[in-house]
Protein backbone atom coordinates (compact mmCIF):
# COMPACT_ATOMS: atom_id res chain seq x y z
CA UNK A 1 233.18 -58.83 -101.71
CA UNK A 2 231.16 -60.52 -99.94
CA UNK A 3 231.79 -62.10 -96.49
CA UNK A 4 230.09 -64.39 -94.92
CA UNK A 5 231.13 -65.75 -91.36
CA UNK A 6 230.83 -70.08 -92.02
CA UNK A 7 227.30 -71.68 -90.61
CA UNK A 8 227.77 -74.02 -87.93
CA UNK A 9 226.67 -76.77 -90.02
CA UNK A 10 230.44 -77.23 -90.85
CA UNK A 11 231.30 -76.91 -87.03
CA UNK A 12 232.91 -80.17 -86.42
CA UNK A 13 235.10 -80.57 -90.46
CA UNK A 14 236.18 -78.04 -89.87
CA UNK A 15 237.33 -77.53 -85.63
CA UNK A 16 239.25 -80.50 -85.49
CA UNK A 17 241.64 -79.31 -87.97
CA UNK A 18 244.69 -77.57 -86.88
CA UNK A 19 245.75 -75.05 -89.39
CA UNK A 20 243.67 -72.41 -91.17
CA UNK A 21 244.47 -74.00 -94.97
CA UNK A 22 243.49 -77.56 -94.03
CA UNK A 23 240.36 -76.35 -92.52
CA UNK A 24 239.75 -74.28 -95.62
CA UNK A 25 240.75 -78.24 -97.28
CA UNK A 26 238.36 -79.80 -94.82
CA UNK A 27 235.27 -77.55 -97.38
CA UNK A 28 234.76 -78.87 -100.26
CA UNK A 29 233.97 -82.52 -98.65
CA UNK A 30 231.49 -80.88 -96.17
CA UNK A 31 230.34 -78.99 -99.05
CA UNK A 32 229.29 -81.57 -101.08
CA UNK A 33 227.51 -83.61 -98.20
CA UNK A 34 225.32 -80.51 -98.35
CA UNK A 35 224.91 -80.70 -102.65
CA UNK A 36 224.47 -84.64 -101.76
CA UNK A 37 221.49 -83.89 -99.60
CA UNK A 38 219.48 -81.30 -101.60
CA UNK A 39 221.80 -78.30 -100.84
CA UNK A 40 223.40 -75.38 -102.75
CA UNK A 41 226.42 -74.49 -101.74
CA UNK A 42 228.00 -73.41 -105.21
CA UNK A 43 228.30 -69.80 -105.29
CA UNK A 44 230.34 -70.20 -102.67
CA UNK A 45 234.01 -71.13 -101.61
CA UNK A 46 235.54 -71.04 -98.72
CA UNK A 47 238.48 -68.76 -97.75
CA UNK A 48 240.11 -67.85 -94.38
CA UNK A 49 239.34 -64.56 -92.43
CA UNK A 50 242.43 -64.65 -90.49
CA UNK A 51 241.23 -64.39 -86.61
CA UNK A 52 238.62 -65.11 -87.15
CA UNK A 53 239.03 -69.14 -89.50
CA UNK A 54 237.18 -69.59 -91.94
CA UNK A 55 234.45 -67.79 -93.99
CA UNK A 56 232.62 -67.86 -97.38
CA UNK A 57 233.09 -65.68 -100.13
CA UNK A 58 231.30 -65.33 -103.41
CA UNK A 59 232.93 -67.26 -106.07
CA UNK A 60 231.11 -65.25 -109.07
CA UNK A 61 229.45 -62.54 -108.83
CA UNK A 62 226.07 -61.79 -107.14
CA UNK A 63 223.28 -59.18 -107.01
CA UNK A 64 221.08 -57.84 -103.80
CA UNK A 65 218.29 -60.37 -103.13
CA UNK A 66 220.71 -63.63 -104.74
CA UNK A 67 220.70 -66.86 -103.03
CA UNK A 68 224.77 -67.04 -102.39
CA UNK A 69 223.59 -70.91 -100.22
CA UNK A 70 221.25 -73.40 -99.04
CA UNK A 71 220.72 -75.83 -96.60
CA UNK A 72 218.32 -78.88 -96.20
CA UNK A 73 215.65 -77.60 -92.42
CA UNK A 74 216.87 -81.21 -91.53
CA UNK A 75 220.23 -80.77 -91.66
CA UNK A 76 220.48 -77.85 -90.00
CA UNK A 77 221.67 -78.28 -86.19
CA UNK A 78 218.88 -76.53 -84.03
CA UNK A 79 217.89 -76.00 -80.58
CA UNK A 80 214.62 -78.03 -81.81
CA UNK A 81 216.70 -80.48 -83.61
CA UNK A 82 218.91 -81.04 -80.12
CA UNK A 83 215.64 -81.84 -77.92
CA UNK A 84 214.50 -84.00 -80.87
CA UNK A 85 217.58 -86.13 -80.74
CA UNK A 86 217.47 -89.56 -79.54
CA UNK A 87 220.97 -88.84 -77.88
CA UNK A 88 220.05 -85.84 -76.61
CA UNK A 89 216.52 -84.97 -76.22
CA UNK A 90 215.66 -87.50 -72.67
CA UNK A 91 218.52 -85.60 -71.14
CA UNK A 92 218.00 -81.89 -72.54
CA UNK A 93 214.44 -81.74 -72.95
CA UNK A 94 214.79 -81.61 -68.34
CA UNK A 95 216.29 -77.70 -68.88
CA UNK A 96 214.41 -76.38 -71.47
CA UNK A 97 212.35 -74.12 -69.47
CA UNK A 98 215.66 -72.63 -67.60
CA UNK A 99 218.03 -72.25 -70.81
CA UNK A 100 218.21 -70.41 -74.32
CA UNK A 101 218.68 -72.19 -77.54
CA UNK A 102 222.01 -71.15 -78.43
CA UNK A 103 222.57 -73.82 -74.77
CA UNK A 104 220.84 -76.90 -76.62
CA UNK A 105 223.41 -75.57 -80.21
CA UNK A 106 226.08 -75.83 -78.42
CA UNK A 107 225.87 -79.67 -76.75
CA UNK A 108 224.21 -80.93 -80.68
CA UNK A 109 228.21 -78.99 -81.32
CA UNK A 110 229.21 -81.03 -78.80
CA UNK A 111 227.82 -84.67 -79.83
CA UNK A 112 228.68 -83.90 -83.27
CA UNK A 113 231.95 -82.90 -82.81
CA UNK A 114 232.41 -87.10 -80.36
CA UNK A 115 230.18 -88.63 -82.83
CA UNK A 116 232.70 -87.28 -85.84
CA UNK A 117 232.59 -90.32 -88.81
CA UNK A 118 229.78 -92.14 -87.18
CA UNK A 119 227.51 -89.19 -87.38
């Protein structure tokens, strides 16, 4: 089967759940939300990925070149979206020349975790 690590857009929803089974169960509402925003994750489903946490597996037979999922760009957390953030941007822009993109993404993810349902 095809296995993908779960993308970062799910970080906040998944890290707050203690057991892997509960974390896997948290994915369908997240997938529904992504679909309501114009994305499509119908070809994949959440699965326990042992020590890696939660992963995605193909829910049906797929072929090379098939699109497994799509997430609208406006839902993605990127360095650029972190720098454009009304809340974080003013602080992060001071560090832009010194830090790598993943640093801005990490700060944005921590902020999403802090906001939880207010996000």
